[in-house]
Amino acid sequence: MTETPTQKPDNNLVWAILSTVLCCMPLGIVAIIKATSVDTLWTAGKYDEAQKAADDARKWAIIGAISGAVVIVIYVIAMVAAAVLGNL
């Protein structure tokens, strides 16, 4: 029998929500789904699956934040380039 871990993993729900609202909605929604499953899995005694869901939620929130930042940088570069080329 698997021994009960001492502490429930952080579900990373805050980061998932921030990633959804501020960065990339599709990837943030995946992170939210993973984050909300952590507590359910933990309560059901599926400790390894709860840890994996917490890790996945963190991973998807980070991927969403990075992809959102990349899109913003590309947008800013495009706007600067359009402004420079428009003034030539």
Protein backbone atom coordinates (compact mmCIF):
# COMPACT_ATOMS: atom_id res chain seq x y z
CA MET A 1 0.00 0.00 0.00
CA THR A 2 1.21 3.49 -0.84
CA GLU A 3 2.06 5.64 2.14
CA THR A 4 0.15 8.92 2.38
CA PRO A 5 2.39 11.88 1.55
CA THR A 6 2.55 14.51 4.25
CA GLN A 7 1.37 17.44 2.18
CA LYS A 8 -0.99 17.92 -0.78
CA PRO A 9 0.82 19.37 -3.80
CA ASP A 10 0.12 22.97 -4.79
CA ASN A 11 -2.49 22.82 -7.52
CA ASN A 12 -1.10 25.96 -9.26
CA LEU A 13 -4.62 27.23 -9.88
CA VAL A 14 -3.64 30.88 -9.44
CA TRP A 15 -0.95 30.59 -12.11
CA ALA A 16 -3.34 28.75 -14.40
CA ILE A 17 -5.95 31.49 -14.06
CA LEU A 18 -3.39 34.25 -14.60
CA SER A 19 -2.06 32.46 -17.66
CA THR A 20 -5.61 32.17 -19.02
CA VAL A 21 -6.58 35.79 -18.40
CA LEU A 22 -3.32 37.54 -19.22
CA CYS A 23 -1.52 35.36 -21.74
CA CYS A 24 -2.96 32.49 -23.73
CA MET A 25 -6.53 31.38 -23.15
CA PRO A 26 -6.43 27.89 -24.76
CA LEU A 27 -3.31 26.77 -22.90
CA GLY A 28 -4.52 28.42 -19.71
CA ILE A 29 -7.77 26.47 -19.86
CA VAL A 30 -5.79 23.23 -20.05
CA ALA A 31 -3.83 24.38 -17.00
CA ILE A 32 -7.06 25.18 -15.12
CA ILE A 33 -8.51 21.75 -15.89
CA LYS A 34 -5.35 20.05 -14.63
CA ALA A 35 -5.21 22.30 -11.54
CA THR A 36 -8.80 21.64 -10.55
CA SER A 37 -8.28 17.88 -10.74
CA VAL A 38 -5.51 17.93 -8.11
CA ASP A 39 -7.82 18.20 -5.09
CA THR A 40 -10.19 15.55 -6.40
CA LEU A 41 -7.38 13.10 -7.05
CA TRP A 42 -5.79 13.81 -3.67
CA THR A 43 -9.06 13.24 -1.83
CA ALA A 44 -9.57 9.96 -3.74
CA GLY A 45 -6.18 8.76 -2.49
CA LYS A 46 -4.53 8.95 -5.90
CA TYR A 47 -1.47 10.78 -4.62
CA ASP A 48 0.83 10.08 -7.57
CA GLU A 49 -1.83 11.18 -10.05
CA ALA A 50 -2.50 14.32 -7.99
CA GLN A 51 1.21 15.20 -8.08
CA LYS A 52 1.30 14.58 -11.85
CA ALA A 53 -1.78 16.80 -12.36
CA ALA A 54 -0.15 19.55 -10.27
CA ASP A 55 3.04 19.28 -12.31
CA ASP A 56 1.05 19.33 -15.55
CA ALA A 57 -0.93 22.39 -14.43
CA ARG A 58 2.32 24.22 -13.71
CA LYS A 59 3.78 23.13 -17.05
CA TRP A 60 0.75 24.32 -19.06
CA ALA A 61 0.59 27.62 -17.17
CA ILE A 62 4.25 28.27 -17.95
CA ILE A 63 3.81 27.29 -21.60
CA GLY A 64 0.79 29.60 -21.83
CA ALA A 65 2.68 32.49 -20.25
CA ILE A 66 5.69 32.04 -22.51
CA SER A 67 3.59 31.73 -25.66
CA GLY A 68 1.60 34.83 -24.67
CA ALA A 69 4.82 36.77 -24.13
CA VAL A 70 6.18 35.61 -27.49
CA VAL A 71 3.00 36.76 -29.25
CA ILE A 72 3.20 40.16 -27.53
CA VAL A 73 6.86 40.59 -28.52
CA ILE A 74 6.10 39.65 -32.13
CA TYR A 75 3.20 42.10 -32.15
CA VAL A 76 5.35 44.93 -30.79
CA ILE A 77 8.08 44.20 -33.34
CA ALA A 78 5.50 44.21 -36.14
CA MET A 79 4.04 47.53 -34.97
CA VAL A 80 7.48 49.14 -34.70
CA ALA A 81 8.44 47.83 -38.12
CA ALA A 82 5.18 49.13 -39.62
CA ALA A 83 5.77 52.54 -38.05
CA VAL A 84 9.35 52.71 -39.31
CA LEU A 85 8.48 51.53 -42.80
CA GLY A 86 5.49 53.87 -42.92
CA ASN A 87 7.71 56.88 -42.28
CA LEU A 88 10.20 56.10 -45.07
